[in-house]
Amino acid sequence: GCEVLASASTVEEALLRISQESPDLVILDRNLDGHRTTAVAQTLNEKSIPYVVMTGYTQGTADEPAMAAAPCVLKPWKSYELLDELTLLARLPHTSR
C-alpha cells in the first residue's frame, strides 16, 4: 500500500515538503504554478528519492537534463501507466538517506 504524505502547488512548497517529509517516492509534475520543477528534480536526485515525472509536453523530459533519468508519464495518462511506473520505482533499492 501507499500513503499520500503531502501535495504541493508551487516549487517552493514542493521543496519544503520534501525536506519535511522525506518521502519514499514522488510524483512530480514538470510544471507547478507555471514554473519548471527543475530545482525539485535536482533535490530529489541529490537525496536519491525516486520520482516519476508527469507532463503534457510531448517531448517528455528529453530537454530537461535533471529529469532525464526519471520515468515520464504523458498527460492525459491512464491509471495503469502511472501505476506501472510507480510499482517499478517502489521495487528499486534505495540508497540510505
N, C-alpha and C. Protein backbone atom coordinates (compact mmCIF):
# COMPACT_ATOMS: atom_id res chain seq x y z
N GLY A 1 0.81 -1.18 0.00
CA GLY A 1 0.00 0.00 0.00
C GLY A 1 0.85 1.24 0.00
N CYS A 2 0.20 2.36 -0.05
CA CYS A 2 0.91 3.63 -0.02
C CYS A 2 0.06 4.66 0.72
N GLU A 3 0.72 5.72 1.07
CA GLU A 3 0.06 6.82 1.78
C GLU A 3 0.54 8.13 1.17
N VAL A 4 -0.38 9.01 0.86
CA VAL A 4 -0.02 10.33 0.36
C VAL A 4 0.37 11.18 1.56
N LEU A 5 1.64 11.60 1.58
CA LEU A 5 2.12 12.40 2.70
C LEU A 5 1.79 13.87 2.53
N ALA A 6 1.91 14.35 1.30
CA ALA A 6 1.69 15.78 1.06
C ALA A 6 1.53 16.03 -0.42
N SER A 7 0.97 17.18 -0.72
CA SER A 7 0.93 17.65 -2.10
C SER A 7 1.43 19.09 -2.09
N ALA A 8 1.84 19.57 -3.25
CA ALA A 8 2.37 20.92 -3.34
C ALA A 8 1.89 21.56 -4.64
N SER A 9 1.64 22.85 -4.59
CA SER A 9 1.18 23.54 -5.79
C SER A 9 2.21 24.53 -6.33
N THR A 10 3.33 24.70 -5.62
CA THR A 10 4.41 25.56 -6.09
C THR A 10 5.73 24.84 -5.91
N VAL A 11 6.75 25.31 -6.61
CA VAL A 11 8.09 24.74 -6.48
C VAL A 11 8.58 24.89 -5.05
N GLU A 12 8.40 26.06 -4.47
CA GLU A 12 8.85 26.32 -3.10
C GLU A 12 8.18 25.38 -2.11
N GLU A 13 6.89 25.19 -2.27
CA GLU A 13 6.15 24.30 -1.39
C GLU A 13 6.63 22.86 -1.55
N ALA A 14 6.90 22.45 -2.78
CA ALA A 14 7.40 21.09 -3.03
C ALA A 14 8.74 20.88 -2.34
N LEU A 15 9.63 21.85 -2.45
CA LEU A 15 10.95 21.73 -1.80
C LEU A 15 10.80 21.66 -0.29
N LEU A 16 9.91 22.44 0.27
CA LEU A 16 9.65 22.41 1.71
C LEU A 16 9.10 21.06 2.13
N ARG A 17 8.13 20.55 1.40
CA ARG A 17 7.52 19.24 1.73
C ARG A 17 8.56 18.13 1.69
N ILE A 18 9.43 18.15 0.68
CA ILE A 18 10.46 17.12 0.57
C ILE A 18 11.39 17.17 1.77
N SER A 19 11.75 18.37 2.21
CA SER A 19 12.65 18.49 3.36
C SER A 19 11.96 18.09 4.66
N GLN A 20 10.67 18.33 4.77
CA GLN A 20 9.93 18.00 5.99
C GLN A 20 9.51 16.54 6.06
N GLU A 21 9.12 15.96 4.95
CA GLU A 21 8.51 14.64 4.94
C GLU A 21 9.47 13.50 4.60
N SER A 22 10.53 13.78 3.84
CA SER A 22 11.47 12.76 3.37
C SER A 22 10.72 11.57 2.75
N PRO A 23 10.04 11.79 1.63
CA PRO A 23 9.20 10.75 1.02
C PRO A 23 10.01 9.60 0.44
N ASP A 24 9.36 8.46 0.30
CA ASP A 24 9.98 7.29 -0.33
C ASP A 24 9.90 7.37 -1.84
N LEU A 25 8.91 8.10 -2.34
CA LEU A 25 8.62 8.16 -3.78
C LEU A 25 7.83 9.43 -4.06
N VAL A 26 8.06 10.05 -5.21
CA VAL A 26 7.39 11.30 -5.54
C VAL A 26 6.81 11.24 -6.95
N ILE A 27 5.62 11.79 -7.11
CA ILE A 27 5.04 12.04 -8.42
C ILE A 27 5.23 13.54 -8.65
N LEU A 28 6.01 13.88 -9.66
CA LEU A 28 6.40 15.27 -9.90
C LEU A 28 5.84 15.77 -11.23
N ASP A 29 5.05 16.83 -11.16
CA ASP A 29 4.60 17.46 -12.40
C ASP A 29 5.76 18.31 -12.92
N ARG A 30 5.90 18.36 -14.21
CA ARG A 30 7.01 19.11 -14.80
C ARG A 30 6.88 20.61 -14.53
N ASN A 31 5.68 21.09 -14.34
CA ASN A 31 5.43 22.49 -14.02
C ASN A 31 4.52 22.57 -12.81
N LEU A 32 4.83 23.49 -11.92
CA LEU A 32 3.94 23.79 -10.80
C LEU A 32 3.68 25.29 -10.82
N ASP A 33 2.44 25.65 -10.88
CA ASP A 33 2.03 27.06 -10.88
C ASP A 33 2.77 27.85 -11.97
N GLY A 34 2.96 27.20 -13.14
CA GLY A 34 3.59 27.88 -14.26
C GLY A 34 5.11 27.91 -14.24
N HIS A 35 5.73 27.24 -13.27
CA HIS A 35 7.19 27.24 -13.16
C HIS A 35 7.74 25.83 -13.31
N ARG A 36 8.86 25.71 -14.00
CA ARG A 36 9.52 24.41 -14.17
C ARG A 36 9.95 23.87 -12.81
N THR A 37 9.90 22.57 -12.67
CA THR A 37 10.24 21.92 -11.40
C THR A 37 11.66 21.34 -11.41
N THR A 38 12.54 21.96 -12.17
CA THR A 38 13.93 21.51 -12.25
C THR A 38 14.59 21.47 -10.88
N ALA A 39 14.39 22.49 -10.06
CA ALA A 39 15.00 22.53 -8.73
C ALA A 39 14.50 21.38 -7.86
N VAL A 40 13.25 21.02 -8.01
CA VAL A 40 12.69 19.90 -7.25
C VAL A 40 13.34 18.60 -7.71
N ALA A 41 13.47 18.42 -9.02
CA ALA A 41 14.12 17.22 -9.56
C ALA A 41 15.56 17.12 -9.08
N GLN A 42 16.28 18.24 -9.07
CA GLN A 42 17.66 18.24 -8.60
C GLN A 42 17.74 17.83 -7.14
N THR A 43 16.84 18.33 -6.32
CA THR A 43 16.81 17.97 -4.90
C THR A 43 16.50 16.49 -4.73
N LEU A 44 15.54 15.99 -5.48
CA LEU A 44 15.20 14.56 -5.40
C LEU A 44 16.40 13.71 -5.82
N ASN A 45 17.10 14.12 -6.87
CA ASN A 45 18.29 13.40 -7.32
C ASN A 45 19.36 13.40 -6.23
N GLU A 46 19.60 14.56 -5.63
CA GLU A 46 20.62 14.68 -4.57
C GLU A 46 20.29 13.81 -3.37
N LYS A 47 19.00 13.69 -3.05
CA LYS A 47 18.58 12.90 -1.89
C LYS A 47 18.29 11.44 -2.25
N SER A 48 18.51 11.09 -3.51
CA SER A 48 18.25 9.72 -4.00
C SER A 48 16.81 9.28 -3.75
N ILE A 49 15.89 10.21 -3.92
CA ILE A 49 14.46 9.90 -3.80
C ILE A 49 13.93 9.63 -5.20
N PRO A 50 13.42 8.43 -5.45
CA PRO A 50 12.90 8.14 -6.79
C PRO A 50 11.62 8.93 -7.08
N TYR A 51 11.44 9.26 -8.35
CA TYR A 51 10.25 10.01 -8.74
C TYR A 51 9.88 9.70 -10.18
N VAL A 52 8.63 9.91 -10.48
CA VAL A 52 8.12 9.82 -11.85
C VAL A 52 7.61 11.21 -12.22
N VAL A 53 7.92 11.63 -13.44
CA VAL A 53 7.51 12.95 -13.92
C VAL A 53 6.23 12.82 -14.73
N MET A 54 5.30 13.72 -14.48
CA MET A 54 4.08 13.80 -15.28
C MET A 54 4.14 15.10 -16.07
N THR A 55 3.82 15.01 -17.35
CA THR A 55 3.88 16.21 -18.18
C THR A 55 2.93 16.12 -19.36
N GLY A 56 2.53 17.27 -19.83
CA GLY A 56 1.73 17.35 -21.04
C GLY A 56 2.58 17.65 -22.26
N TYR A 57 3.88 17.89 -22.05
CA TYR A 57 4.79 18.15 -23.16
C TYR A 57 5.06 16.85 -23.90
N THR A 58 4.88 16.87 -25.21
CA THR A 58 5.03 15.64 -25.99
C THR A 58 6.47 15.13 -26.01
N GLN A 59 7.45 16.00 -25.80
CA GLN A 59 8.83 15.55 -25.76
C GLN A 59 9.20 14.97 -24.39
N GLY A 60 8.24 14.94 -23.47
CA GLY A 60 8.51 14.38 -22.15
C GLY A 60 9.53 15.21 -21.40
N THR A 61 10.63 14.59 -21.00
CA THR A 61 11.67 15.29 -20.25
C THR A 61 12.98 15.32 -21.02
N ALA A 62 12.94 15.06 -22.32
CA ALA A 62 14.15 14.97 -23.13
C ALA A 62 14.99 16.25 -23.09
N ASP A 63 14.35 17.40 -22.91
CA ASP A 63 15.09 18.66 -22.89
C ASP A 63 15.41 19.13 -21.47
N GLU A 64 15.22 18.28 -20.49
CA GLU A 64 15.45 18.65 -19.09
C GLU A 64 16.45 17.68 -18.47
N PRO A 65 17.76 17.99 -18.50
CA PRO A 65 18.78 17.06 -18.02
C PRO A 65 18.56 16.55 -16.59
N ALA A 66 18.05 17.39 -15.70
CA ALA A 66 17.86 16.96 -14.31
C ALA A 66 16.82 15.85 -14.19
N MET A 67 15.92 15.77 -15.18
CA MET A 67 14.85 14.78 -15.14
C MET A 67 15.07 13.63 -16.11
N ALA A 68 16.17 13.65 -16.83
CA ALA A 68 16.40 12.71 -17.93
C ALA A 68 16.33 11.24 -17.50
N ALA A 69 16.79 10.93 -16.30
CA ALA A 69 16.82 9.53 -15.86
C ALA A 69 15.50 9.07 -15.25
N ALA A 70 14.61 10.00 -14.98
CA ALA A 70 13.34 9.65 -14.33
C ALA A 70 12.33 9.15 -15.35
N PRO A 71 11.51 8.18 -14.97
CA PRO A 71 10.43 7.77 -15.87
C PRO A 71 9.45 8.93 -16.06
N CYS A 72 8.79 8.94 -17.20
CA CYS A 72 7.89 10.03 -17.54
C CYS A 72 6.57 9.46 -18.03
N VAL A 73 5.48 10.01 -17.52
CA VAL A 73 4.14 9.64 -17.95
C VAL A 73 3.52 10.87 -18.60
N LEU A 74 3.07 10.72 -19.84
CA LEU A 74 2.50 11.84 -20.57
C LEU A 74 1.01 12.00 -20.26
N LYS A 75 0.60 13.27 -20.12
CA LYS A 75 -0.81 13.58 -19.92
C LYS A 75 -1.51 13.62 -21.27
N PRO A 76 -2.73 13.26 -21.38
CA PRO A 76 -3.53 12.62 -20.33
C PRO A 76 -3.07 11.18 -20.15
N TRP A 77 -2.87 10.79 -18.91
CA TRP A 77 -2.35 9.46 -18.62
C TRP A 77 -3.47 8.53 -18.21
N LYS A 78 -3.18 7.29 -18.35
CA LYS A 78 -4.11 6.25 -17.91
C LYS A 78 -3.60 5.72 -16.57
N SER A 79 -4.50 5.36 -15.69
CA SER A 79 -4.09 4.96 -14.34
C SER A 79 -3.09 3.82 -14.35
N TYR A 80 -3.24 2.87 -15.28
CA TYR A 80 -2.31 1.74 -15.29
C TYR A 80 -0.90 2.19 -15.68
N GLU A 81 -0.77 3.25 -16.49
CA GLU A 81 0.56 3.75 -16.87
C GLU A 81 1.29 4.28 -15.64
N LEU A 82 0.60 5.09 -14.87
CA LEU A 82 1.20 5.64 -13.66
C LEU A 82 1.47 4.54 -12.65
N LEU A 83 0.54 3.64 -12.46
CA LEU A 83 0.72 2.54 -11.52
C LEU A 83 1.91 1.67 -11.90
N ASP A 84 2.08 1.38 -13.18
CA ASP A 84 3.23 0.59 -13.64
C ASP A 84 4.55 1.26 -13.28
N GLU A 85 4.66 2.55 -13.54
CA GLU A 85 5.89 3.28 -13.23
C GLU A 85 6.15 3.34 -11.73
N LEU A 86 5.12 3.61 -10.95
CA LEU A 86 5.28 3.67 -9.50
C LEU A 86 5.68 2.31 -8.93
N THR A 87 5.10 1.25 -9.45
CA THR A 87 5.43 -0.09 -8.99
C THR A 87 6.90 -0.40 -9.27
N LEU A 88 7.36 -0.05 -10.46
CA LEU A 88 8.77 -0.28 -10.79
C LEU A 88 9.69 0.51 -9.87
N LEU A 89 9.37 1.77 -9.64
CA LEU A 89 10.20 2.60 -8.76
C LEU A 89 10.20 2.09 -7.33
N ALA A 90 9.06 1.65 -6.85
CA ALA A 90 8.96 1.16 -5.48
C ALA A 90 9.80 -0.10 -5.26
N ARG A 91 10.04 -0.84 -6.31
CA ARG A 91 10.83 -2.07 -6.20
C ARG A 91 12.33 -1.83 -6.27
N LEU A 92 12.75 -0.64 -6.69
CA LEU A 92 14.17 -0.34 -6.79
C LEU A 92 14.78 -0.22 -5.40
N PRO A 93 16.02 -0.70 -5.24
CA PRO A 93 16.69 -0.49 -3.95
C PRO A 93 17.01 0.99 -3.79
N HIS A 94 16.77 1.51 -2.61
CA HIS A 94 17.03 2.93 -2.34
C HIS A 94 18.32 3.05 -1.55
N THR A 95 19.09 4.09 -1.86
CA THR A 95 20.27 4.35 -1.06
C THR A 95 19.83 4.97 0.25
N SER A 96 20.63 4.82 1.27
CA SER A 96 20.25 5.38 2.57
C SER A 96 20.30 6.90 2.49
N ARG A 97 19.32 7.52 3.15
CA ARG A 97 19.24 8.99 3.12
C ARG A 97 19.61 9.53 4.47
